[in-house]
Amino acid sequence: MLIHQYDSTNGQYISSRLADADPRREGRWLIPAHCTSEPLPERTPLTWPFFCNGAWTLRPDYRARLLYRTDTGEPAEILVAGTTPAQNGLTDTLRPSDKHIWRDGKWALDLDAVAREKHAAAMAEFETRLNNARTMNAGKADAYSAGLLSNEQAYYFRQWAAYQLALTRAIQQEGFPDDVAWPDEPAAYAGVHAAAMAEFDARLAKARAQLEGKAHADEILSPEQCYTVTAWSAYIDALKRAVKSDAFPDAVTWPDAPQPYTPSAQPRPPKPPKLPKPLSKPEPVGARRGVVPRTAQRPN
């Protein structure tokens, strides 16, 4: 006869063997303590037999199975049968990432952790960009204030300073870090200078076209022509000053073109001065009063 041994403490099945015959009574078998001849139940996956209250029952058995802690996601295992992973704070599902937490019996994305990670990544990007901009302007502030930098050096100093301000404003915007737009680094000086000079040339050509045929006219100018020459000449001078300014080419302020001539708003130009009449041939002394010059008088 086949008998089955179980643990005296919790009834967990241990092993099966043939029972020894009873030497005193033929046809009977010896059944030791904590053994039974009750047939074992048919096992299903992840179960183990337990003998309790005179009968076999199947309880969970997750021994030798890779499990994971629900608090940290670290690998773990169960060493004894009879309990489920949930009873031990474990699961057989791998934690997808360190940003997942165990919630309501399953791994769920920890939105707070995601937000913290995203914010940390954005701030790291900010610090990298800011340190680069500071390096580009290191040691130049006093030289810029004293006007010791060349136009190109002054351009880059202004641009990197403005870039730092734009970075600070980017992280202060509503929606950071989910919706952050980093500013572009300063454009190359050559391209900006070329664009500014093209704008200067276009404005200068327009001004010169207004003066064509008027600036060196020999005849007297009309009030409108006088206004045109004066206003557009001053505009050309302002353009040249703008190109020579320290703010050129990135922070240049172009002057406004002259407004169209309005007669009612323009003072009349002064009348040209009258030229003096040419002197007549000098008369002999006393000629006006019929006096004959002494040299021409007849002797007495």
Protein backbone atom coordinates (compact mmCIF):
# COMPACT_ATOMS: atom_id res chain seq x y z
CA MET A 1 0.00 0.00 0.00
CA LEU A 2 1.21 3.50 -0.90
CA ILE A 3 1.33 5.98 1.93
CA HIS A 4 2.11 9.68 1.88
CA GLN A 5 4.08 11.62 4.47
CA TYR A 6 3.25 15.21 5.31
CA ASP A 7 4.76 17.90 7.53
CA SER A 8 3.62 17.71 11.11
CA THR A 9 3.41 21.49 11.35
CA ASN A 10 1.44 22.63 8.32
CA GLY A 11 0.48 19.38 6.61
CA GLN A 12 2.65 20.03 3.52
CA TYR A 13 3.22 16.89 1.47
CA ILE A 14 6.75 15.53 1.82
CA SER A 15 7.02 12.18 0.05
CA SER A 16 5.32 8.89 -0.81
CA ARG A 17 6.46 5.29 -0.18
CA LEU A 18 5.15 1.75 0.27
CA ALA A 19 3.87 0.99 3.71
CA ASP A 20 5.45 -1.74 5.78
CA ALA A 21 3.36 -4.82 6.55
CA ASP A 22 2.12 -5.26 10.12
CA PRO A 23 4.14 -8.22 11.50
CA ARG A 24 1.47 -8.95 14.10
CA ARG A 25 -1.52 -8.87 11.86
CA GLU A 26 -1.40 -10.35 8.43
CA GLY A 27 -3.00 -8.28 5.75
CA ARG A 28 -2.61 -5.00 7.65
CA TRP A 29 -0.16 -2.22 7.04
CA LEU A 30 1.81 0.02 9.32
CA ILE A 31 1.03 3.73 8.81
CA PRO A 32 3.50 5.92 10.75
CA ALA A 33 2.56 9.20 12.34
CA HIS A 34 2.09 12.12 9.95
CA CYS A 35 1.39 9.76 7.09
CA THR A 36 -1.83 8.86 5.31
CA SER A 37 -3.02 6.44 2.74
CA GLU A 38 -5.46 8.97 1.32
CA PRO A 39 -4.72 9.31 -2.40
CA LEU A 40 -3.01 12.52 -3.47
CA PRO A 41 -5.15 14.95 -5.46
CA GLU A 42 -4.29 15.64 -9.07
CA ARG A 43 -1.97 18.63 -9.06
CA THR A 44 -2.45 21.66 -11.21
CA PRO A 45 0.35 24.09 -12.14
CA LEU A 46 1.69 26.18 -9.28
CA THR A 47 -0.01 24.11 -6.56
CA TRP A 48 1.15 21.69 -3.84
CA PRO A 49 -0.79 19.18 -1.71
CA PHE A 50 -1.43 19.89 1.99
CA PHE A 51 -3.09 17.41 4.37
CA CYS A 52 -5.42 19.31 6.66
CA ASN A 53 -8.37 18.13 8.72
CA GLY A 54 -8.09 14.57 7.35
CA ALA A 55 -8.09 15.53 3.65
CA TRP A 56 -5.75 16.71 0.93
CA THR A 57 -6.08 20.26 -0.41
CA LEU A 58 -4.11 22.12 -3.04
CA ARG A 59 -2.40 25.35 -2.05
CA PRO A 60 -0.26 27.81 -4.08
CA ASP A 61 3.30 26.78 -4.81
CA TYR A 62 5.64 29.38 -6.32
CA ARG A 63 8.91 27.85 -5.18
CA ALA A 64 11.84 28.01 -7.63
CA ARG A 65 9.99 30.64 -9.67
CA LEU A 66 11.46 34.06 -10.46
CA LEU A 67 9.40 36.77 -8.81
CA TYR A 68 9.78 40.49 -8.21
CA ARG A 69 9.27 42.74 -5.21
CA THR A 70 6.33 45.09 -5.67
CA ASP A 71 8.02 47.86 -3.68
CA THR A 72 11.34 47.97 -5.53
CA GLY A 73 10.97 45.66 -8.54
CA GLU A 74 14.02 43.66 -7.46
CA PRO A 75 14.12 39.89 -8.14
CA ALA A 76 13.00 37.61 -5.30
CA GLU A 77 11.67 34.10 -4.66
CA ILE A 78 9.43 32.13 -2.30
CA LEU A 79 11.13 29.28 -0.43
CA VAL A 80 8.08 27.52 0.98
CA ALA A 81 4.79 26.41 -0.55
CA GLY A 82 1.39 27.51 0.61
CA THR A 83 1.37 31.24 -0.04
CA THR A 84 0.79 33.40 -3.09
CA PRO A 85 3.19 36.09 -4.38
CA ALA A 86 0.73 38.79 -3.36
CA GLN A 87 0.81 37.57 0.23
CA ASN A 88 4.57 38.09 0.21
CA GLY A 89 4.58 41.47 -1.59
CA LEU A 90 5.77 39.84 -4.82
CA THR A 91 4.62 39.48 -8.40
CA ASP A 92 5.64 37.33 -11.33
CA THR A 93 5.47 40.34 -13.68
CA LEU A 94 8.70 42.15 -14.49
CA ARG A 95 8.74 45.84 -13.59
CA PRO A 96 8.74 47.72 -16.93
CA SER A 97 10.97 50.54 -15.68
CA ASP A 98 12.09 52.33 -12.56
CA LYS A 99 9.34 54.87 -13.25
CA HIS A 100 6.63 52.26 -12.61
CA ILE A 101 5.01 51.56 -9.27
CA TRP A 102 2.75 48.75 -8.06
CA ARG A 103 -0.80 50.02 -7.94
CA ASP A 104 -4.08 48.10 -7.77
CA GLY A 105 -2.43 44.76 -8.49
CA LYS A 106 -0.38 45.83 -11.50
CA TRP A 107 2.54 47.97 -12.56
CA ALA A 108 1.51 51.54 -13.39
CA LEU A 109 3.51 54.49 -14.60
CA ASP A 110 4.42 56.86 -11.77
CA LEU A 111 3.47 60.22 -13.25
CA ASP A 112 5.21 62.11 -10.45
CA ALA A 113 8.45 60.25 -11.14
CA VAL A 114 8.12 60.93 -14.87
CA ALA A 115 7.59 64.63 -14.19
CA ARG A 116 10.61 64.77 -11.87
CA GLU A 117 12.81 63.03 -14.40
CA LYS A 118 11.65 65.29 -17.22
CA HIS A 119 12.24 68.39 -15.11
CA ALA A 120 15.70 67.19 -14.10
CA ALA A 121 16.61 66.49 -17.74
CA ALA A 122 15.40 69.92 -18.85
CA MET A 123 17.33 71.67 -16.08
CA ALA A 124 20.46 69.73 -17.00
CA GLU A 125 20.05 70.92 -20.60
CA PHE A 126 19.55 74.48 -19.33
CA GLU A 127 22.72 74.36 -17.23
CA THR A 128 24.73 72.99 -20.16
CA ARG A 129 23.55 75.74 -22.49
CA LEU A 130 23.98 78.47 -19.87
CA ASN A 131 27.52 77.40 -18.96
CA ASN A 132 28.47 77.39 -22.64
CA ALA A 133 27.14 80.94 -23.08
CA ARG A 134 28.96 82.13 -19.97
CA THR A 135 32.19 80.62 -21.26
CA MET A 136 31.82 82.50 -24.55
CA ASN A 137 31.53 85.86 -22.70
CA ALA A 138 33.99 85.13 -19.90
CA GLY A 139 36.31 88.08 -19.18
CA LYS A 140 34.79 90.41 -21.78
CA ALA A 141 32.31 92.49 -19.79
CA ASP A 142 34.76 95.24 -18.82
CA ALA A 143 36.28 95.35 -22.29
CA TYR A 144 32.82 95.71 -23.80
CA SER A 145 31.92 98.53 -21.41
CA ALA A 146 35.18 100.31 -22.25
CA GLY A 147 34.60 99.95 -25.98
CA LEU A 148 37.73 97.85 -26.47
CA LEU A 149 36.09 95.06 -28.47
CA SER A 150 35.96 94.97 -32.23
CA ASN A 151 32.59 95.08 -33.98
CA GLU A 152 32.62 91.31 -34.36
CA GLN A 153 33.62 90.70 -30.73
CA ALA A 154 30.99 93.17 -29.51
CA TYR A 155 28.39 91.45 -31.68
CA TYR A 156 29.08 88.05 -30.14
CA PHE A 157 29.15 89.51 -26.63
CA ARG A 158 25.70 91.05 -27.08
CA GLN A 159 24.32 87.94 -28.71
CA TRP A 160 25.57 85.52 -26.02
CA ALA A 161 24.27 87.86 -23.30
CA ALA A 162 20.86 87.95 -24.99
CA TYR A 163 21.01 84.16 -25.35
CA GLN A 164 21.47 83.76 -21.59
CA LEU A 165 18.43 85.96 -20.97
CA ALA A 166 16.38 83.93 -23.45
CA LEU A 167 17.40 80.71 -21.69
CA THR A 168 16.22 82.06 -18.35
CA ARG A 169 12.92 83.14 -19.84
CA ALA A 170 12.47 79.69 -21.43
CA ILE A 171 12.51 77.88 -18.08
CA GLN A 172 10.21 80.50 -16.56
CA GLN A 173 7.53 80.02 -19.19
CA GLU A 174 4.26 78.33 -18.25
CA GLY A 175 4.32 74.70 -19.30
CA PHE A 176 8.00 74.10 -18.57
CA PRO A 177 9.41 71.46 -18.94
CA ASP A 178 6.69 69.76 -21.01
CA ASP A 179 6.63 72.51 -23.62
CA VAL A 180 10.02 74.19 -23.70
CA ALA A 181 11.51 75.92 -26.75
CA TRP A 182 15.24 76.57 -26.40
CA PRO A 183 16.54 79.72 -28.13
CA ASP A 184 18.88 79.41 -31.08
CA GLU A 185 22.55 80.11 -30.54
CA PRO A 186 23.90 83.34 -32.07
CA ALA A 187 24.14 83.38 -35.83
CA ALA A 188 27.54 83.74 -37.47
CA TYR A 189 28.77 87.33 -37.62
CA ALA A 190 29.56 87.18 -41.34
CA GLY A 191 25.98 86.34 -42.29
CA VAL A 192 24.45 88.97 -40.01
CA HIS A 193 26.92 91.60 -41.21
CA ALA A 194 26.21 90.79 -44.85
CA ALA A 195 22.45 91.05 -44.30
CA ALA A 196 22.81 94.38 -42.50
CA MET A 197 25.05 95.78 -45.25
CA ALA A 198 22.54 94.65 -47.86
CA GLU A 199 19.85 96.55 -45.99
CA PHE A 200 22.14 99.60 -45.79
CA ASP A 201 22.89 99.47 -49.52
CA ALA A 202 19.19 99.20 -50.37
CA ARG A 203 18.29 102.18 -48.19
CA LEU A 204 21.21 104.22 -49.51
CA ALA A 205 20.27 103.49 -53.12
CA LYS A 206 16.70 104.62 -52.46
CA ALA A 207 17.93 107.85 -50.89
CA ARG A 208 20.31 108.60 -53.73
CA ALA A 209 17.55 107.99 -56.24
CA GLN A 210 15.55 110.74 -54.50
CA LEU A 211 18.48 113.15 -54.85
CA GLU A 212 19.34 112.33 -58.42
CA GLY A 213 19.40 115.47 -60.50
CA LYS A 214 18.67 117.75 -57.53
CA ALA A 215 21.69 117.92 -55.30
CA HIS A 216 23.84 119.84 -57.72
CA ALA A 217 21.25 121.80 -59.63
CA ASP A 218 22.40 125.25 -60.65
CA GLU A 219 18.94 126.77 -60.81
CA ILE A 220 16.98 127.88 -57.79
CA LEU A 221 15.13 124.93 -56.16
CA SER A 222 11.42 124.88 -55.56
CA PRO A 223 10.18 124.42 -51.97
CA GLU A 224 9.51 120.73 -52.63
CA GLN A 225 12.93 120.20 -54.18
CA CYS A 226 14.57 122.03 -51.30
CA TYR A 227 12.76 119.81 -48.80
CA THR A 228 13.73 116.66 -50.74
CA VAL A 229 17.42 117.56 -50.84
CA THR A 230 17.57 118.55 -47.19
CA ALA A 231 15.57 115.62 -45.81
CA TRP A 232 17.14 112.84 -47.87
CA SER A 233 20.66 114.18 -47.36
CA ALA A 234 20.08 114.09 -43.61
CA TYR A 235 18.72 110.54 -44.01
CA ILE A 236 21.91 109.44 -45.79
CA ASP A 237 24.02 110.91 -42.99
CA ALA A 238 21.90 109.03 -40.43
CA LEU A 239 22.36 105.78 -42.37
CA LYS A 240 26.13 106.18 -42.33
CA ARG A 241 26.11 106.89 -38.60
CA ALA A 242 24.04 103.75 -38.01
CA VAL A 243 26.57 101.59 -39.87
CA LYS A 244 29.43 103.06 -37.85
CA SER A 245 27.66 102.63 -34.50
CA ASP A 246 28.77 100.06 -31.93
CA ALA A 247 25.39 98.34 -32.24
CA PHE A 248 25.99 97.40 -35.87
CA PRO A 249 25.12 94.91 -37.33
CA ASP A 250 22.78 93.07 -34.92
CA ALA A 251 21.33 95.88 -32.82
CA VAL A 252 21.37 98.62 -35.41
CA THR A 253 18.45 101.06 -35.47
CA TRP A 254 17.76 102.29 -38.97
CA PRO A 255 16.51 105.86 -39.29
CA ASP A 256 13.04 106.48 -40.65
CA ALA A 257 12.82 107.56 -44.25
CA PRO A 258 11.63 111.15 -44.79
CA GLN A 259 7.90 111.71 -45.00
CA PRO A 260 6.41 112.88 -48.31
CA TYR A 261 6.51 116.60 -48.93
CA THR A 262 3.47 118.49 -47.66
CA PRO A 263 3.30 122.15 -48.74
CA SER A 264 1.17 123.29 -45.82
CA ALA A 265 3.59 121.84 -43.35
CA GLN A 266 6.74 123.18 -44.95
CA PRO A 267 8.07 126.70 -44.31
CA ARG A 268 8.79 128.72 -47.37
CA PRO A 269 12.44 128.71 -48.26
CA PRO A 270 14.15 132.05 -47.87
CA LYS A 271 14.35 134.20 -50.93
CA PRO A 272 17.76 134.22 -52.54
CA PRO A 273 19.70 137.35 -51.66
CA LYS A 274 19.74 140.13 -54.22
CA LEU A 275 23.04 140.68 -55.92
CA PRO A 276 24.45 144.25 -55.69
CA LYS A 277 24.17 146.40 -58.83
CA PRO A 278 27.38 146.76 -60.84
CA LEU A 279 29.30 149.97 -60.18
CA SER A 280 29.11 152.67 -62.91
CA LYS A 281 32.17 154.34 -64.38
CA PRO A 282 33.51 156.88 -61.87
CA GLU A 283 32.79 160.51 -62.67
CA PRO A 284 35.39 163.25 -62.50
CA VAL A 285 35.41 165.15 -59.31
CA GLY A 286 32.86 168.00 -59.47
CA ALA A 287 31.31 166.71 -62.66
CA ARG A 288 27.86 166.46 -61.10
CA ARG A 289 27.72 170.21 -60.26
CA GLY A 290 29.19 171.47 -63.52
CA VAL A 291 32.49 172.17 -61.85
CA VAL A 292 35.42 172.00 -64.17
CA PRO A 293 38.41 170.34 -62.73
CA ARG A 294 41.05 172.73 -61.62
CA THR A 295 43.49 171.35 -64.10
CA ALA A 296 41.06 172.14 -66.87
CA GLN A 297 40.34 175.74 -65.83
CA ARG A 298 41.51 178.49 -68.15
CA PRO A 299 44.16 180.80 -66.77
CA ASN A 300 43.20 184.37 -65.96
